[in-house]
Amino acid sequence: MDLLYISGVLFPAIPLAMVAIGARYTAVAGLIRSLHMQITGTTPASGPAEVLVAELKSLRLRIELVKYSQFFAAVSFVLNLVSVLLFAHGAEVKGLFSYSGSAATLTLAMLLFMAEIFFSTRALNLHITGMRAHG
């Protein structure tokens, strides 16, 4: 029963933390873009072309990273659910394999999530550089 408790209660806390951190990051990114518009007097559509092109290139990679991060997180939840069911029915060895797969796919999802944050930060730094040059 301890294995059921661990996989059923503790494991979902990690994605909740990811959502909270992601929401905070989105708020900060919005603030940076807003400050960029206020300082430079340009909207994103009328900003310097090189910044827009660089950000557009970054967005393609970032959307792929988000897509795969969400996919592997969903696979992780399915495997976690399977492990809970297996533990509940006494199939501990199969449950451990399912839980291990769940942990591995969530780890992959978090690594992709961290890579997306890295590239997002690089894109935001383009705006910060523009603000420094302006003021």
Protein backbone atom coordinates (compact mmCIF):
# COMPACT_ATOMS: atom_id res chain seq x y z
CA MET A 1 0.00 0.00 0.00
CA ASP A 2 2.96 2.35 0.51
CA LEU A 3 3.77 2.15 -3.22
CA LEU A 4 0.17 3.07 -4.08
CA TYR A 5 0.35 6.04 -1.74
CA ILE A 6 3.65 7.28 -3.20
CA SER A 7 2.58 7.07 -6.84
CA GLY A 8 -0.97 8.30 -6.24
CA VAL A 9 -0.36 11.25 -3.94
CA LEU A 10 3.21 12.51 -4.17
CA PHE A 11 3.86 12.30 -7.89
CA PRO A 12 1.24 14.84 -9.17
CA ALA A 13 2.82 17.59 -7.05
CA ILE A 14 5.64 18.03 -9.58
CA PRO A 15 3.44 19.12 -12.52
CA LEU A 16 1.56 21.50 -10.23
CA ALA A 17 4.87 23.16 -9.41
CA MET A 18 5.65 23.34 -13.13
CA VAL A 19 2.33 25.10 -13.78
CA ALA A 20 2.91 27.59 -10.97
CA ILE A 21 6.43 28.38 -12.17
CA GLY A 22 5.26 28.63 -15.77
CA ALA A 23 2.51 31.09 -14.83
CA ARG A 24 4.99 33.24 -12.92
CA TYR A 25 7.39 33.17 -15.86
CA THR A 26 4.59 34.23 -18.24
CA ALA A 27 3.75 37.18 -16.01
CA VAL A 28 7.38 38.35 -15.95
CA ALA A 29 7.67 37.94 -19.73
CA GLY A 30 4.55 40.07 -20.22
CA LEU A 31 5.99 42.74 -17.97
CA ILE A 32 9.26 42.82 -19.93
CA ARG A 33 7.40 43.17 -23.23
CA SER A 34 5.19 45.90 -21.78
CA LEU A 35 8.21 47.82 -20.49
CA HIS A 36 9.89 47.41 -23.88
CA MET A 37 6.90 49.04 -25.57
CA GLN A 38 6.82 51.88 -23.04
CA ILE A 39 10.54 52.62 -23.23
CA THR A 40 11.06 52.28 -26.97
CA GLY A 41 7.64 53.60 -27.97
CA THR A 42 7.14 50.69 -30.37
CA THR A 43 4.59 47.91 -30.40
CA PRO A 44 5.78 44.37 -31.12
CA ALA A 45 4.46 44.71 -34.68
CA SER A 46 6.46 47.89 -35.28
CA GLY A 47 9.62 47.00 -33.35
CA PRO A 48 13.07 46.61 -34.87
CA ALA A 49 12.92 44.02 -37.65
CA GLU A 50 15.99 42.12 -36.43
CA VAL A 51 14.42 41.64 -32.98
CA LEU A 52 11.16 40.43 -34.51
CA VAL A 53 12.89 38.00 -36.88
CA ALA A 54 15.05 36.62 -34.07
CA GLU A 55 12.02 36.19 -31.82
CA LEU A 56 10.04 34.51 -34.62
CA LYS A 57 12.84 31.97 -35.16
CA SER A 58 12.90 31.30 -31.44
CA LEU A 59 9.11 30.82 -31.35
CA ARG A 60 9.25 27.91 -33.82
CA LEU A 61 11.65 25.99 -31.62
CA ARG A 62 9.81 26.95 -28.45
CA ILE A 63 6.43 25.74 -29.75
CA GLU A 64 7.97 22.36 -30.61
CA LEU A 65 9.50 22.12 -27.14
CA VAL A 66 6.16 22.97 -25.50
CA LYS A 67 4.33 20.45 -27.69
CA TYR A 68 6.67 17.59 -26.78
CA SER A 69 6.81 18.65 -23.14
CA GLN A 70 3.02 18.45 -22.94
CA PHE A 71 2.97 15.12 -24.81
CA PHE A 72 5.48 13.46 -22.48
CA ALA A 73 3.75 14.91 -19.41
CA ALA A 74 0.47 13.38 -20.63
CA VAL A 75 2.18 10.01 -21.21
CA SER A 76 3.60 10.28 -17.70
CA PHE A 77 0.14 10.82 -16.21
CA VAL A 78 -1.28 7.85 -18.10
CA LEU A 79 1.57 5.62 -16.90
CA ASN A 80 1.09 6.97 -13.37
CA LEU A 81 -2.60 6.07 -13.50
CA VAL A 82 -1.72 2.59 -14.74
CA SER A 83 0.77 2.17 -11.89
CA VAL A 84 -1.87 3.19 -9.33
CA LEU A 85 -4.29 0.63 -10.79
CA LEU A 86 -1.62 -2.07 -10.87
CA PHE A 87 -0.58 -1.38 -7.25
CA ALA A 88 -4.25 -1.41 -6.20
CA HIS A 89 -4.67 -4.85 -7.77
CA GLY A 90 -1.53 -6.27 -6.18
CA ALA A 91 0.67 -6.33 -9.31
CA GLU A 92 3.59 -4.58 -7.64
CA VAL A 93 6.31 -5.56 -10.14
CA LYS A 94 4.26 -4.35 -13.12
CA GLY A 95 3.28 -1.28 -11.11
CA LEU A 96 6.92 -0.47 -10.46
CA PHE A 97 7.72 -0.73 -14.17
CA SER A 98 4.80 1.55 -15.01
CA TYR A 99 5.79 4.00 -12.27
CA SER A 100 9.40 3.97 -13.51
CA GLY A 101 8.18 4.75 -17.03
CA SER A 102 6.03 7.52 -15.62
CA ALA A 103 8.96 9.04 -13.76
CA ALA A 104 11.19 8.77 -16.84
CA THR A 105 8.68 10.45 -19.16
CA LEU A 106 7.97 13.20 -16.64
CA THR A 107 11.71 13.78 -16.36
CA LEU A 108 11.90 14.11 -20.14
CA ALA A 109 8.94 16.52 -20.10
CA MET A 110 10.62 18.65 -17.43
CA LEU A 111 13.91 18.72 -19.36
CA LEU A 112 12.04 19.92 -22.46
CA PHE A 113 10.21 22.47 -20.30
CA MET A 114 13.54 23.76 -18.97
CA ALA A 115 14.94 24.00 -22.52
CA GLU A 116 11.89 26.05 -23.56
CA ILE A 117 12.45 28.40 -20.62
CA PHE A 118 16.08 28.82 -21.70
CA PHE A 119 15.10 29.79 -25.26
CA SER A 120 12.27 32.00 -24.02
CA THR A 121 14.71 33.86 -21.82
CA ARG A 122 17.01 34.43 -24.79
CA ALA A 123 14.09 35.95 -26.70
CA LEU A 124 13.21 38.21 -23.77
CA ASN A 125 16.83 39.31 -23.54
CA LEU A 126 16.44 40.73 -27.07
CA HIS A 127 13.81 43.09 -25.65
CA ILE A 128 15.94 43.96 -22.64
CA THR A 129 18.90 44.73 -24.93
CA GLY A 130 16.63 47.00 -26.97
CA MET A 131 15.56 48.86 -23.84
CA ARG A 132 19.16 49.36 -22.73
CA ALA A 133 20.07 50.79 -26.11
CA HIS A 134 17.12 53.16 -25.92
CA GLY A 135 17.69 54.53 -22.48
